[in-house]
Amino acid sequence: MGLMLSPGDDDVTSPGVSWSYTGFNMFREWLAQAEGFTLAEMNGFGGDCVWSSVSTTLAPLLDHPDDDGSLAPAQCAAMLEAITEQRQHEDGGPVLERRLDDVRQLVTVMKYCLEKEVELIFC
């Protein structure tokens, strides 16, 4: 089992990105680290730090239930630049290549959501 992030447009040909739950957690940990904090220290991930204590435009994605709910197109727009920047911060290795592939897929889905003005659905 896993989860999928896809546009809320009921079009089965729309782009989507999927992960195992473990893979999605690893992706979020990587994004959090790139943003300068440790996800495991945050409320909801085993820690006590409240989300208002960190400054990141990625909070809607990082602090979101794994398999329920959605993100509005405006939230996607705000996060696109920060997510895209992750491509430029590190070098090398198969793990990094996997993360960058995740970023590319997520950017494609978010851009589609913006173009179609639909929510990004977690399922």
C-alpha atoms as a PDB file:
ATOM      1  CA  MET A   1       0.000   0.000   0.000  1.00  0.00           C
ATOM      2  CA  GLY A   2       1.031   3.551  -0.537  1.00  0.00           C
ATOM      3  CA  LEU A   3      -0.283   6.973  -1.231  1.00  0.00           C
ATOM      4  CA  MET A   4      -0.803   9.090  -4.291  1.00  0.00           C
ATOM      5  CA  LEU A   5      -0.911  12.824  -4.832  1.00  0.00           C
ATOM      6  CA  SER A   6      -3.034  13.702  -7.836  1.00  0.00           C
ATOM      7  CA  PRO A   7      -5.150  16.535  -9.229  1.00  0.00           C
ATOM      8  CA  GLY A   8      -8.738  16.645  -8.039  1.00  0.00           C
ATOM      9  CA  ASP A   9     -10.158  16.819 -11.549  1.00  0.00           C
ATOM     10  CA  ASP A  10     -11.529  13.273 -11.966  1.00  0.00           C
ATOM     11  CA  ASP A  11      -9.430  12.858 -15.136  1.00  0.00           C
ATOM     12  CA  VAL A  12      -7.683   9.480 -15.021  1.00  0.00           C
ATOM     13  CA  THR A  13      -5.068  10.737 -17.491  1.00  0.00           C
ATOM     14  CA  SER A  14      -3.940  13.549 -15.155  1.00  0.00           C
ATOM     15  CA  PRO A  15      -0.391  13.286 -13.833  1.00  0.00           C
ATOM     16  CA  GLY A  16       0.158  11.902 -10.357  1.00  0.00           C
ATOM     17  CA  VAL A  17       2.993  10.983  -8.052  1.00  0.00           C
ATOM     18  CA  SER A  18       2.994   8.008  -5.709  1.00  0.00           C
ATOM     19  CA  TRP A  19       5.122   6.742  -2.863  1.00  0.00           C
ATOM     20  CA  SER A  20       5.136   4.024  -0.286  1.00  0.00           C
ATOM     21  CA  TYR A  21       4.393   5.540   3.117  1.00  0.00           C
ATOM     22  CA  THR A  22       8.042   5.034   4.049  1.00  0.00           C
ATOM     23  CA  GLY A  23       9.196   6.637   0.803  1.00  0.00           C
ATOM     24  CA  PHE A  24       6.961   9.671   1.318  1.00  0.00           C
ATOM     25  CA  ASN A  25       8.262  10.075   4.857  1.00  0.00           C
ATOM     26  CA  MET A  26      11.850   9.908   3.586  1.00  0.00           C
ATOM     27  CA  PHE A  27      11.025  12.518   0.931  1.00  0.00           C
ATOM     28  CA  ARG A  28       9.524  14.842   3.548  1.00  0.00           C
ATOM     29  CA  GLU A  29      12.525  14.304   5.856  1.00  0.00           C
ATOM     30  CA  TRP A  30      14.814  15.291   2.988  1.00  0.00           C
ATOM     31  CA  LEU A  31      12.765  18.410   2.208  1.00  0.00           C
ATOM     32  CA  ALA A  32      12.711  19.413   5.894  1.00  0.00           C
ATOM     33  CA  GLN A  33      16.467  18.951   6.179  1.00  0.00           C
ATOM     34  CA  ALA A  34      16.995  21.107   3.088  1.00  0.00           C
ATOM     35  CA  GLU A  35      14.793  23.737   4.759  1.00  0.00           C
ATOM     36  CA  GLY A  36      17.024  23.652   7.850  1.00  0.00           C
ATOM     37  CA  PHE A  37      15.137  21.565  10.391  1.00  0.00           C
ATOM     38  CA  THR A  38      14.597  17.943  11.378  1.00  0.00           C
ATOM     39  CA  LEU A  39      11.134  16.533  10.700  1.00  0.00           C
ATOM     40  CA  ALA A  40      11.381  14.079  13.619  1.00  0.00           C
ATOM     41  CA  GLU A  41      11.592  17.052  16.009  1.00  0.00           C
ATOM     42  CA  MET A  42       8.238  18.426  14.814  1.00  0.00           C
ATOM     43  CA  ASN A  43       4.858  17.958  16.451  1.00  0.00           C
ATOM     44  CA  GLY A  44       3.096  15.110  14.686  1.00  0.00           C
ATOM     45  CA  PHE A  45       6.371  13.370  13.822  1.00  0.00           C
ATOM     46  CA  GLY A  46       7.498  12.424  17.327  1.00  0.00           C
ATOM     47  CA  GLY A  47       8.845  15.773  18.475  1.00  0.00           C
ATOM     48  CA  ASP A  48       7.536  18.709  20.449  1.00  0.00           C
ATOM     49  CA  CYS A  49       8.385  21.615  18.126  1.00  0.00           C
ATOM     50  CA  VAL A  50       5.339  23.458  16.839  1.00  0.00           C
ATOM     51  CA  TRP A  51       5.128  24.248  13.154  1.00  0.00           C
ATOM     52  CA  SER A  52       4.960  27.979  13.811  1.00  0.00           C
ATOM     53  CA  SER A  53       8.549  27.712  15.134  1.00  0.00           C
ATOM     54  CA  VAL A  54       9.954  27.015  11.649  1.00  0.00           C
ATOM     55  CA  SER A  55       9.850  29.240   8.621  1.00  0.00           C
ATOM     56  CA  THR A  56       9.143  27.227   5.488  1.00  0.00           C
ATOM     57  CA  THR A  57       6.716  27.597   2.637  1.00  0.00           C
ATOM     58  CA  LEU A  58       6.668  23.783   2.532  1.00  0.00           C
ATOM     59  CA  ALA A  59       4.730  23.454   5.814  1.00  0.00           C
ATOM     60  CA  PRO A  60       1.432  22.611   4.046  1.00  0.00           C
ATOM     61  CA  LEU A  61       3.109  19.589   2.417  1.00  0.00           C
ATOM     62  CA  LEU A  62       5.317  18.585   5.335  1.00  0.00           C
ATOM     63  CA  ASP A  63       2.646  18.879   8.022  1.00  0.00           C
ATOM     64  CA  HIS A  64      -0.119  17.129   6.118  1.00  0.00           C
ATOM     65  CA  PRO A  65      -1.841  13.780   6.780  1.00  0.00           C
ATOM     66  CA  ASP A  66      -0.346  11.119   4.550  1.00  0.00           C
ATOM     67  CA  ASP A  67      -3.467   9.867   2.838  1.00  0.00           C
ATOM     68  CA  ASP A  68      -6.337  12.266   3.368  1.00  0.00           C
ATOM     69  CA  GLY A  69      -7.181  15.815   2.409  1.00  0.00           C
ATOM     70  CA  SER A  70      -5.903  18.192  -0.200  1.00  0.00           C
ATOM     71  CA  LEU A  71      -3.846  21.280  -0.901  1.00  0.00           C
ATOM     72  CA  ALA A  72      -5.380  24.281  -2.618  1.00  0.00           C
ATOM     73  CA  PRO A  73      -3.901  25.574  -5.887  1.00  0.00           C
ATOM     74  CA  ALA A  74      -2.640  28.682  -4.048  1.00  0.00           C
ATOM     75  CA  GLN A  75      -0.734  26.466  -1.593  1.00  0.00           C
ATOM     76  CA  CYS A  76       0.819  24.582  -4.511  1.00  0.00           C
ATOM     77  CA  ALA A  77       1.880  27.850  -6.123  1.00  0.00           C
ATOM     78  CA  ALA A  78       3.549  29.025  -2.918  1.00  0.00           C
ATOM     79  CA  MET A  79       5.487  25.769  -2.558  1.00  0.00           C
ATOM     80  CA  LEU A  80       6.596  25.291  -6.173  1.00  0.00           C
ATOM     81  CA  GLU A  81       9.595  27.621  -6.001  1.00  0.00           C
ATOM     82  CA  ALA A  82      10.887  26.135  -2.734  1.00  0.00           C
ATOM     83  CA  ILE A  83      10.494  22.582  -4.013  1.00  0.00           C
ATOM     84  CA  THR A  84      12.133  23.402  -7.334  1.00  0.00           C
ATOM     85  CA  GLU A  85      15.124  24.934  -5.518  1.00  0.00           C
ATOM     86  CA  GLN A  86      15.878  21.561  -3.916  1.00  0.00           C
ATOM     87  CA  ARG A  87      17.306  20.427  -7.250  1.00  0.00           C
ATOM     88  CA  GLN A  88      20.202  22.840  -6.885  1.00  0.00           C
ATOM     89  CA  HIS A  89      21.402  22.180  -3.329  1.00  0.00           C
ATOM     90  CA  GLU A  90      23.068  18.777  -3.387  1.00  0.00           C
ATOM     91  CA  ASP A  91      25.216  16.552  -5.551  1.00  0.00           C
ATOM     92  CA  GLY A  92      25.398  12.868  -6.368  1.00  0.00           C
ATOM     93  CA  GLY A  93      24.227   9.442  -5.425  1.00  0.00           C
ATOM     94  CA  PRO A  94      21.252   7.199  -6.115  1.00  0.00           C
ATOM     95  CA  VAL A  95      19.303   8.433  -3.069  1.00  0.00           C
ATOM     96  CA  LEU A  96      19.606  12.013  -4.243  1.00  0.00           C
ATOM     97  CA  GLU A  97      18.591  10.984  -7.752  1.00  0.00           C
ATOM     98  CA  ARG A  98      15.444   9.383  -6.306  1.00  0.00           C
ATOM     99  CA  ARG A  99      14.628  12.577  -4.355  1.00  0.00           C
ATOM    100  CA  LEU A 100      15.157  14.723  -7.431  1.00  0.00           C
ATOM    101  CA  ASP A 101      12.903  12.418  -9.445  1.00  0.00           C
ATOM    102  CA  ASP A 102      10.279  12.814  -6.696  1.00  0.00           C
ATOM    103  CA  VAL A 103      10.654  16.597  -6.965  1.00  0.00           C
ATOM    104  CA  ARG A 104      10.225  16.516 -10.750  1.00  0.00           C
ATOM    105  CA  GLN A 105       7.079  14.414 -10.507  1.00  0.00           C
ATOM    106  CA  LEU A 106       5.592  16.548  -7.728  1.00  0.00           C
ATOM    107  CA  VAL A 107       6.345  19.764  -9.626  1.00  0.00           C
ATOM    108  CA  THR A 108       4.588  18.349 -12.698  1.00  0.00           C
ATOM    109  CA  VAL A 109       1.476  17.525 -10.662  1.00  0.00           C
ATOM    110  CA  MET A 110       1.470  20.882  -8.851  1.00  0.00           C
ATOM    111  CA  LYS A 111       1.825  22.808 -12.110  1.00  0.00           C
ATOM    112  CA  TYR A 112      -1.059  20.818 -13.575  1.00  0.00           C
ATOM    113  CA  CYS A 113      -3.190  21.658 -10.520  1.00  0.00           C
ATOM    114  CA  LEU A 114      -2.406  25.340 -10.997  1.00  0.00           C
ATOM    115  CA  GLU A 115      -3.203  25.274 -14.706  1.00  0.00           C
ATOM    116  CA  LYS A 116      -6.513  23.483 -14.141  1.00  0.00           C
ATOM    117  CA  GLU A 117      -7.259  25.369 -10.892  1.00  0.00           C
ATOM    118  CA  VAL A 118      -7.916  22.148  -8.967  1.00  0.00           C
ATOM    119  CA  GLU A 119      -6.800  20.870  -5.599  1.00  0.00           C
ATOM    120  CA  LEU A 120      -3.911  18.466  -5.076  1.00  0.00           C
ATOM    121  CA  ILE A 121      -5.518  15.394  -3.504  1.00  0.00           C
ATOM    122  CA  PHE A 122      -3.810  13.047  -1.041  1.00  0.00           C
ATOM    123  CA  CYS A 123      -5.180   9.502  -1.335  1.00  0.00           C
END
